[in-house]
Full PDB file with SEQRES, HELIX, SHEET, SSBOND, CRYST1, ORIGX, SCALE, CONECT and MASTER records, all heavy atoms in Angstrom:
SEQRES   1 A   32  LEU TRP VAL ILE GLY GLY ALA MET ILE TRP GLU LEU SER          
SEQRES   2 A   32  ARG MET LEU GLY GLY ASP ALA TRP ALA PRO GLY MET GLY          
SEQRES   3 A   32  VAL ILE ALA GLY LEU ALA                                      
HELIX    1 AA1 TRP A    2  MET A   15  1                                  14    
HELIX    2 AA2 ALA A   22  LEU A   31  1                                  10    
CRYST1    1.000    1.000    1.000  90.00  90.00  90.00 P 1           1          
ORIGX1      1.000000  0.000000  0.000000        0.00000                         
ORIGX2      0.000000  1.000000  0.000000        0.00000                         
ORIGX3      0.000000  0.000000  1.000000        0.00000                         
SCALE1      1.000000  0.000000  0.000000        0.00000                         
SCALE2      0.000000  1.000000  0.000000        0.00000                         
SCALE3      0.000000  0.000000  1.000000        0.00000                         
ATOM      1  N   LEU A   1      10.840   1.070  -8.355  1.00  0.00           N  
ATOM      2  CA  LEU A   1       9.653   0.334  -8.651  1.00  0.00           C  
ATOM      3  C   LEU A   1       9.065  -0.298  -7.516  1.00  0.00           C  
ATOM      4  O   LEU A   1       7.805  -0.389  -7.358  1.00  0.00           O  
ATOM      5  CB  LEU A   1       9.679  -0.697  -9.868  1.00  0.00           C  
ATOM      6  CG  LEU A   1      10.030  -0.036 -11.284  1.00  0.00           C  
ATOM      7  CD1 LEU A   1      10.529  -1.122 -12.126  1.00  0.00           C  
ATOM      8  CD2 LEU A   1       8.676   0.529 -11.697  1.00  0.00           C  
ATOM      9  N   TRP A   2       9.953  -0.758  -6.574  1.00  0.00           N  
ATOM     10  CA  TRP A   2       9.378  -1.346  -5.268  1.00  0.00           C  
ATOM     11  C   TRP A   2       8.717  -0.294  -4.547  1.00  0.00           C  
ATOM     12  O   TRP A   2       7.588  -0.450  -4.033  1.00  0.00           O  
ATOM     13  CB  TRP A   2      10.568  -1.820  -4.464  1.00  0.00           C  
ATOM     14  CG  TRP A   2      11.415  -2.851  -5.107  1.00  0.00           C  
ATOM     15  CD1 TRP A   2      11.065  -3.581  -6.306  1.00  0.00           C  
ATOM     16  CD2 TRP A   2      12.831  -3.184  -4.744  1.00  0.00           C  
ATOM     17  NE1 TRP A   2      12.092  -4.460  -6.559  1.00  0.00           N  
ATOM     18  CE2 TRP A   2      13.087  -4.233  -5.638  1.00  0.00           C  
ATOM     19  CE3 TRP A   2      13.595  -2.926  -3.701  1.00  0.00           C  
ATOM     20  CZ2 TRP A   2      14.399  -4.792  -5.639  1.00  0.00           C  
ATOM     21  CZ3 TRP A   2      14.822  -3.371  -3.730  1.00  0.00           C  
ATOM     22  CH2 TRP A   2      15.276  -4.437  -4.563  1.00  0.00           C  
ATOM     23  N   VAL A   3       9.250   1.006  -4.556  1.00  0.00           N  
ATOM     24  CA  VAL A   3       8.586   2.131  -3.790  1.00  0.00           C  
ATOM     25  C   VAL A   3       7.261   2.565  -4.467  1.00  0.00           C  
ATOM     26  O   VAL A   3       6.211   2.753  -3.804  1.00  0.00           O  
ATOM     27  CB  VAL A   3       9.577   3.391  -3.684  1.00  0.00           C  
ATOM     28  CG1 VAL A   3       8.866   4.520  -3.069  1.00  0.00           C  
ATOM     29  CG2 VAL A   3      10.711   2.944  -2.930  1.00  0.00           C  
ATOM     30  N   ILE A   4       7.432   2.662  -5.765  1.00  0.00           N  
ATOM     31  CA  ILE A   4       6.158   3.039  -6.572  1.00  0.00           C  
ATOM     32  C   ILE A   4       4.946   2.023  -6.416  1.00  0.00           C  
ATOM     33  O   ILE A   4       3.870   2.491  -6.166  1.00  0.00           O  
ATOM     34  CB  ILE A   4       6.580   3.197  -8.022  1.00  0.00           C  
ATOM     35  CG1 ILE A   4       7.428   4.393  -8.278  1.00  0.00           C  
ATOM     36  CG2 ILE A   4       5.305   3.199  -9.015  1.00  0.00           C  
ATOM     37  CD1 ILE A   4       7.914   4.522  -9.621  1.00  0.00           C  
ATOM     38  N   GLY A   5       5.452   0.677  -6.470  1.00  0.00           N  
ATOM     39  CA  GLY A   5       4.442  -0.358  -6.260  1.00  0.00           C  
ATOM     40  C   GLY A   5       3.772  -0.310  -4.905  1.00  0.00           C  
ATOM     41  O   GLY A   5       2.542  -0.448  -4.754  1.00  0.00           O  
ATOM     42  N   GLY A   6       4.690  -0.064  -3.800  1.00  0.00           N  
ATOM     43  CA  GLY A   6       4.114   0.138  -2.511  1.00  0.00           C  
ATOM     44  C   GLY A   6       3.253   1.255  -2.420  1.00  0.00           C  
ATOM     45  O   GLY A   6       2.174   1.166  -1.721  1.00  0.00           O  
ATOM     46  N   ALA A   7       3.527   2.405  -2.947  1.00  0.00           N  
ATOM     47  CA  ALA A   7       2.697   3.588  -2.925  1.00  0.00           C  
ATOM     48  C   ALA A   7       1.343   3.230  -3.512  1.00  0.00           C  
ATOM     49  O   ALA A   7       0.377   3.666  -3.104  1.00  0.00           O  
ATOM     50  CB  ALA A   7       3.376   4.818  -3.572  1.00  0.00           C  
ATOM     51  N   MET A   8       1.362   2.664  -4.736  1.00  0.00           N  
ATOM     52  CA  MET A   8       0.051   2.400  -5.414  1.00  0.00           C  
ATOM     53  C   MET A   8      -0.775   1.406  -4.575  1.00  0.00           C  
ATOM     54  O   MET A   8      -2.055   1.636  -4.532  1.00  0.00           O  
ATOM     55  CB  MET A   8       0.373   1.953  -6.811  1.00  0.00           C  
ATOM     56  CG  MET A   8       0.893   2.805  -7.690  1.00  0.00           C  
ATOM     57  SD  MET A   8       0.897   2.286  -9.507  1.00  0.00           S  
ATOM     58  CE  MET A   8       2.353   1.171  -9.510  1.00  0.00           C  
ATOM     59  N   ILE A   9      -0.195   0.381  -3.887  1.00  0.00           N  
ATOM     60  CA  ILE A   9      -1.030  -0.451  -3.043  1.00  0.00           C  
ATOM     61  C   ILE A   9      -1.614   0.265  -1.864  1.00  0.00           C  
ATOM     62  O   ILE A   9      -2.712   0.050  -1.507  1.00  0.00           O  
ATOM     63  CB  ILE A   9      -0.147  -1.647  -2.684  1.00  0.00           C  
ATOM     64  CG1 ILE A   9       0.256  -2.618  -3.764  1.00  0.00           C  
ATOM     65  CG2 ILE A   9      -0.854  -2.495  -1.491  1.00  0.00           C  
ATOM     66  CD1 ILE A   9      -1.007  -3.391  -4.486  1.00  0.00           C  
ATOM     67  N   TRP A  10      -0.785   1.162  -1.271  1.00  0.00           N  
ATOM     68  CA  TRP A  10      -1.243   2.057  -0.257  1.00  0.00           C  
ATOM     69  C   TRP A  10      -2.513   2.907  -0.642  1.00  0.00           C  
ATOM     70  O   TRP A  10      -3.517   2.922   0.018  1.00  0.00           O  
ATOM     71  CB  TRP A  10      -0.098   2.918   0.126  1.00  0.00           C  
ATOM     72  CG  TRP A  10      -0.620   4.063   1.084  1.00  0.00           C  
ATOM     73  CD1 TRP A  10      -1.037   3.982   2.365  1.00  0.00           C  
ATOM     74  CD2 TRP A  10      -0.634   5.492   0.761  1.00  0.00           C  
ATOM     75  NE1 TRP A  10      -1.367   5.303   2.919  1.00  0.00           N  
ATOM     76  CE2 TRP A  10      -1.163   6.127   1.887  1.00  0.00           C  
ATOM     77  CE3 TRP A  10      -0.292   6.191  -0.395  1.00  0.00           C  
ATOM     78  CZ2 TRP A  10      -1.291   7.462   1.901  1.00  0.00           C  
ATOM     79  CZ3 TRP A  10      -0.464   7.664  -0.357  1.00  0.00           C  
ATOM     80  CH2 TRP A  10      -0.975   8.236   0.815  1.00  0.00           C  
ATOM     81  N   GLU A  11      -2.381   3.480  -1.848  1.00  0.00           N  
ATOM     82  CA  GLU A  11      -3.421   4.301  -2.387  1.00  0.00           C  
ATOM     83  C   GLU A  11      -4.667   3.425  -2.616  1.00  0.00           C  
ATOM     84  O   GLU A  11      -5.861   3.804  -2.335  1.00  0.00           O  
ATOM     85  CB  GLU A  11      -3.100   5.051  -3.591  1.00  0.00           C  
ATOM     86  CG  GLU A  11      -1.971   6.174  -3.418  1.00  0.00           C  
ATOM     87  CD  GLU A  11      -1.526   6.707  -4.660  1.00  0.00           C  
ATOM     88  OE1 GLU A  11      -1.754   6.163  -5.848  1.00  0.00           O  
ATOM     89  OE2 GLU A  11      -0.946   7.862  -4.656  1.00  0.00           O  
ATOM     90  N   LEU A  12      -4.428   2.286  -3.216  1.00  0.00           N  
ATOM     91  CA  LEU A  12      -5.724   1.390  -3.566  1.00  0.00           C  
ATOM     92  C   LEU A  12      -6.333   0.994  -2.282  1.00  0.00           C  
ATOM     93  O   LEU A  12      -7.575   0.865  -2.158  1.00  0.00           O  
ATOM     94  CB  LEU A  12      -5.148   0.208  -4.401  1.00  0.00           C  
ATOM     95  CG  LEU A  12      -6.184  -0.896  -4.777  1.00  0.00           C  
ATOM     96  CD1 LEU A  12      -7.232  -0.248  -5.693  1.00  0.00           C  
ATOM     97  CD2 LEU A  12      -5.478  -2.109  -5.301  1.00  0.00           C  
ATOM     98  N   SER A  13      -5.565   0.531  -1.187  1.00  0.00           N  
ATOM     99  CA  SER A  13      -6.099   0.145   0.023  1.00  0.00           C  
ATOM    100  C   SER A  13      -6.834   1.215   0.737  1.00  0.00           C  
ATOM    101  O   SER A  13      -7.989   0.892   1.174  1.00  0.00           O  
ATOM    102  CB  SER A  13      -4.901  -0.337   0.890  1.00  0.00           C  
ATOM    103  OG  SER A  13      -4.183  -1.452   0.273  1.00  0.00           O  
ATOM    104  N   ARG A  14      -6.435   2.347   0.685  1.00  0.00           N  
ATOM    105  CA  ARG A  14      -7.153   3.521   1.216  1.00  0.00           C  
ATOM    106  C   ARG A  14      -8.478   3.656   0.531  1.00  0.00           C  
ATOM    107  O   ARG A  14      -9.509   3.904   1.142  1.00  0.00           O  
ATOM    108  CB  ARG A  14      -6.346   4.789   1.210  1.00  0.00           C  
ATOM    109  CG  ARG A  14      -5.175   4.950   2.097  1.00  0.00           C  
ATOM    110  CD  ARG A  14      -4.355   6.057   1.916  1.00  0.00           C  
ATOM    111  NE  ARG A  14      -5.032   7.282   2.268  1.00  0.00           N  
ATOM    112  CZ  ARG A  14      -5.358   8.214   1.338  1.00  0.00           C  
ATOM    113  NH1 ARG A  14      -5.135   8.148   0.097  1.00  0.00           N  
ATOM    114  NH2 ARG A  14      -6.061   9.466   1.758  1.00  0.00           N  
ATOM    115  N   MET A  15      -8.340   3.665  -0.757  1.00  0.00           N  
ATOM    116  CA  MET A  15      -9.606   4.044  -1.646  1.00  0.00           C  
ATOM    117  C   MET A  15     -10.674   2.972  -1.254  1.00  0.00           C  
ATOM    118  O   MET A  15     -11.899   3.292  -1.271  1.00  0.00           O  
ATOM    119  CB  MET A  15      -9.328   4.022  -3.100  1.00  0.00           C  
ATOM    120  CG  MET A  15      -8.654   5.288  -3.545  1.00  0.00           C  
ATOM    121  SD  MET A  15      -8.594   5.404  -5.333  1.00  0.00           S  
ATOM    122  CE  MET A  15      -7.652   3.970  -5.987  1.00  0.00           C  
ATOM    123  N   LEU A  16     -10.242   1.683  -1.058  1.00  0.00           N  
ATOM    124  CA  LEU A  16     -11.229   0.643  -0.959  1.00  0.00           C  
ATOM    125  C   LEU A  16     -11.698   0.317   0.604  1.00  0.00           C  
ATOM    126  O   LEU A  16     -12.305  -0.575   0.855  1.00  0.00           O  
ATOM    127  CB  LEU A  16     -10.642  -0.622  -1.494  1.00  0.00           C  
ATOM    128  CG  LEU A  16     -10.460  -0.633  -3.071  1.00  0.00           C  
ATOM    129  CD1 LEU A  16     -10.002  -1.993  -3.554  1.00  0.00           C  
ATOM    130  CD2 LEU A  16     -11.774  -0.234  -3.749  1.00  0.00           C  
ATOM    131  N   GLY A  17     -11.237   1.309   1.412  1.00  0.00           N  
ATOM    132  CA  GLY A  17     -11.696   1.218   2.786  1.00  0.00           C  
ATOM    133  C   GLY A  17     -10.778   0.649   3.834  1.00  0.00           C  
ATOM    134  O   GLY A  17     -11.205   0.445   4.896  1.00  0.00           O  
ATOM    135  N   GLY A  18      -9.547   0.464   3.384  1.00  0.00           N  
ATOM    136  CA  GLY A  18      -8.564  -0.103   4.479  1.00  0.00           C  
ATOM    137  C   GLY A  18      -7.650   1.033   5.050  1.00  0.00           C  
ATOM    138  O   GLY A  18      -6.397   0.824   5.058  1.00  0.00           O  
ATOM    139  N   ASP A  19      -8.191   2.149   5.476  1.00  0.00           N  
ATOM    140  CA  ASP A  19      -7.311   3.263   5.964  1.00  0.00           C  
ATOM    141  C   ASP A  19      -6.383   2.855   7.018  1.00  0.00           C  
ATOM    142  O   ASP A  19      -5.187   3.218   7.064  1.00  0.00           O  
ATOM    143  CB  ASP A  19      -8.223   4.404   6.410  1.00  0.00           C  
ATOM    144  CG  ASP A  19      -9.021   5.061   5.327  1.00  0.00           C  
ATOM    145  OD1 ASP A  19     -10.133   4.454   5.109  1.00  0.00           O  
ATOM    146  OD2 ASP A  19      -8.635   5.958   4.637  1.00  0.00           O  
ATOM    147  N   ALA A  20      -6.899   2.012   7.851  1.00  0.00           N  
ATOM    148  CA  ALA A  20      -6.049   1.657   9.118  1.00  0.00           C  
ATOM    149  C   ALA A  20      -4.789   0.855   8.749  1.00  0.00           C  
ATOM    150  O   ALA A  20      -3.729   0.998   9.471  1.00  0.00           O  
ATOM    151  CB  ALA A  20      -6.999   0.885  10.184  1.00  0.00           C  
ATOM    152  N   TRP A  21      -4.993   0.004   7.872  1.00  0.00           N  
ATOM    153  CA  TRP A  21      -3.726  -0.881   7.595  1.00  0.00           C  
ATOM    154  C   TRP A  21      -3.119  -0.652   6.249  1.00  0.00           C  
ATOM    155  O   TRP A  21      -2.236  -1.291   5.835  1.00  0.00           O  
ATOM    156  CB  TRP A  21      -4.264  -2.327   7.656  1.00  0.00           C  
ATOM    157  CG  TRP A  21      -5.489  -2.643   6.827  1.00  0.00           C  
ATOM    158  CD1 TRP A  21      -6.704  -2.669   7.292  1.00  0.00           C  
ATOM    159  CD2 TRP A  21      -5.568  -2.982   5.427  1.00  0.00           C  
ATOM    160  NE1 TRP A  21      -7.572  -3.017   6.177  1.00  0.00           N  
ATOM    161  CE2 TRP A  21      -6.802  -3.136   5.057  1.00  0.00           C  
ATOM    162  CE3 TRP A  21      -4.491  -3.174   4.493  1.00  0.00           C  
ATOM    163  CZ2 TRP A  21      -7.255  -3.492   3.757  1.00  0.00           C  
ATOM    164  CZ3 TRP A  21      -4.960  -3.580   3.157  1.00  0.00           C  
ATOM    165  CH2 TRP A  21      -6.282  -3.685   2.885  1.00  0.00           C  
ATOM    166  N   ALA A  22      -3.592   0.478   5.525  1.00  0.00           N  
ATOM    167  CA  ALA A  22      -3.147   0.727   4.211  1.00  0.00           C  
ATOM    168  C   ALA A  22      -1.586   1.117   4.145  1.00  0.00           C  
ATOM    169  O   ALA A  22      -0.786   0.648   3.292  1.00  0.00           O  
ATOM    170  CB  ALA A  22      -3.851   1.925   3.633  1.00  0.00           C  
ATOM    171  N   PRO A  23      -0.971   1.794   5.156  1.00  0.00           N  
ATOM    172  CA  PRO A  23       0.337   2.079   5.105  1.00  0.00           C  
ATOM    173  C   PRO A  23       1.184   0.777   5.300  1.00  0.00           C  
ATOM    174  O   PRO A  23       2.200   0.484   4.576  1.00  0.00           O  
ATOM    175  CB  PRO A  23       0.562   2.996   6.367  1.00  0.00           C  
ATOM    176  CG  PRO A  23      -0.660   3.673   6.540  1.00  0.00           C  
ATOM    177  CD  PRO A  23      -1.667   2.720   6.188  1.00  0.00           C  
ATOM    178  N   GLY A  24       0.657  -0.185   6.264  1.00  0.00           N  
ATOM    179  CA  GLY A  24       1.342  -1.434   6.419  1.00  0.00           C  
ATOM    180  C   GLY A  24       1.323  -2.260   5.159  1.00  0.00           C  
ATOM    181  O   GLY A  24       2.294  -2.961   4.761  1.00  0.00           O  
ATOM    182  N   MET A  25       0.309  -2.256   4.509  1.00  0.00           N  
ATOM    183  CA  MET A  25       0.057  -3.022   3.302  1.00  0.00           C  
ATOM    184  C   MET A  25       1.017  -2.438   2.124  1.00  0.00           C  
ATOM    185  O   MET A  25       1.559  -3.261   1.328  1.00  0.00           O  
ATOM    186  CB  MET A  25      -1.432  -3.008   2.753  1.00  0.00           C  
ATOM    187  CG  MET A  25      -1.786  -4.016   1.706  1.00  0.00           C  
ATOM    188  SD  MET A  25      -1.497  -5.702   2.278  1.00  0.00           S  
ATOM    189  CE  MET A  25      -0.778  -6.387   0.941  1.00  0.00           C  
ATOM    190  N   GLY A  26       1.166  -1.134   2.189  1.00  0.00           N  
ATOM    191  CA  GLY A  26       2.116  -0.513   1.226  1.00  0.00           C  
ATOM    192  C   GLY A  26       3.509  -1.070   1.383  1.00  0.00           C  
ATOM    193  O   GLY A  26       4.250  -1.345   0.472  1.00  0.00           O  
ATOM    194  N   VAL A  27       3.821  -1.099   2.616  1.00  0.00           N  
ATOM    195  CA  VAL A  27       5.277  -1.502   3.074  1.00  0.00           C  
ATOM    196  C   VAL A  27       5.357  -3.022   2.588  1.00  0.00           C  
ATOM    197  O   VAL A  27       6.417  -3.416   2.046  1.00  0.00           O  
ATOM    198  CB  VAL A  27       5.528  -1.348   4.478  1.00  0.00           C  
ATOM    199  CG1 VAL A  27       6.769  -2.146   4.970  1.00  0.00           C  
ATOM    200  CG2 VAL A  27       5.513   0.072   4.869  1.00  0.00           C  
ATOM    201  N   ILE A  28       4.330  -3.907   2.940  1.00  0.00           N  
ATOM    202  CA  ILE A  28       4.359  -5.264   2.640  1.00  0.00           C  
ATOM    203  C   ILE A  28       4.613  -5.465   1.186  1.00  0.00           C  
ATOM    204  O   ILE A  28       5.391  -6.357   0.603  1.00  0.00           O  
ATOM    205  CB  ILE A  28       3.196  -5.996   3.177  1.00  0.00           C  
ATOM    206  CG1 ILE A  28       3.186  -6.065   4.681  1.00  0.00           C  
ATOM    207  CG2 ILE A  28       2.999  -7.470   2.591  1.00  0.00           C  
ATOM    208  CD1 ILE A  28       1.988  -6.617   5.285  1.00  0.00           C  
ATOM    209  N   ALA A  29       3.766  -4.654   0.382  1.00  0.00           N  
ATOM    210  CA  ALA A  29       3.811  -4.819  -1.160  1.00  0.00           C  
ATOM    211  C   ALA A  29       5.342  -4.403  -1.647  1.00  0.00           C  
ATOM    212  O   ALA A  29       5.743  -5.142  -2.584  1.00  0.00           O  
ATOM    213  CB  ALA A  29       2.890  -3.913  -1.790  1.00  0.00           C  
ATOM    214  N   GLY A  30       5.823  -3.385  -1.136  1.00  0.00           N  
ATOM    215  CA  GLY A  30       7.210  -2.906  -1.504  1.00  0.00           C  
ATOM    216  C   GLY A  30       8.231  -4.069  -1.252  1.00  0.00           C  
ATOM    217  O   GLY A  30       9.119  -4.365  -2.014  1.00  0.00           O  
ATOM    218  N   LEU A  31       8.164  -4.692   0.021  1.00  0.00           N  
ATOM    219  CA  LEU A  31       9.020  -5.660   0.404  1.00  0.00           C  
ATOM    220  C   LEU A  31       8.752  -6.920  -0.521  1.00  0.00           C  
ATOM    221  O   LEU A  31       9.799  -7.610  -0.870  1.00  0.00           O  
ATOM    222  CB  LEU A  31       8.811  -6.044   1.848  1.00  0.00           C  
ATOM    223  CG  LEU A  31       9.269  -4.874   2.859  1.00  0.00           C  
ATOM    224  CD1 LEU A  31       8.893  -5.357   4.277  1.00  0.00           C  
ATOM    225  CD2 LEU A  31      10.868  -4.734   2.807  1.00  0.00           C  
ATOM    226  N   ALA A  32       7.579  -7.201  -0.891  1.00  0.00           N  
ATOM    227  CA  ALA A  32       7.390  -8.415  -1.649  1.00  0.00           C  
ATOM    228  C   ALA A  32       7.906  -8.278  -3.026  1.00  0.00           C  
ATOM    229  O   ALA A  32       8.474  -9.146  -3.532  1.00  0.00           O  
ATOM    230  CB  ALA A  32       5.735  -8.541  -1.799  1.00  0.00           C  
TER     231      ALA A  32                                                      
MASTER        0    0    0    2    0    0    0    6  230    1    0    3          
END                                                                             
């Protein structure tokens, strides 16, 4: 679920215009 949650945050961030930092945000979300 940590991985799935991180992947979903990555996808959401990309969709909303944060391509540059979306991978990092996905990692942060999974760690959170």
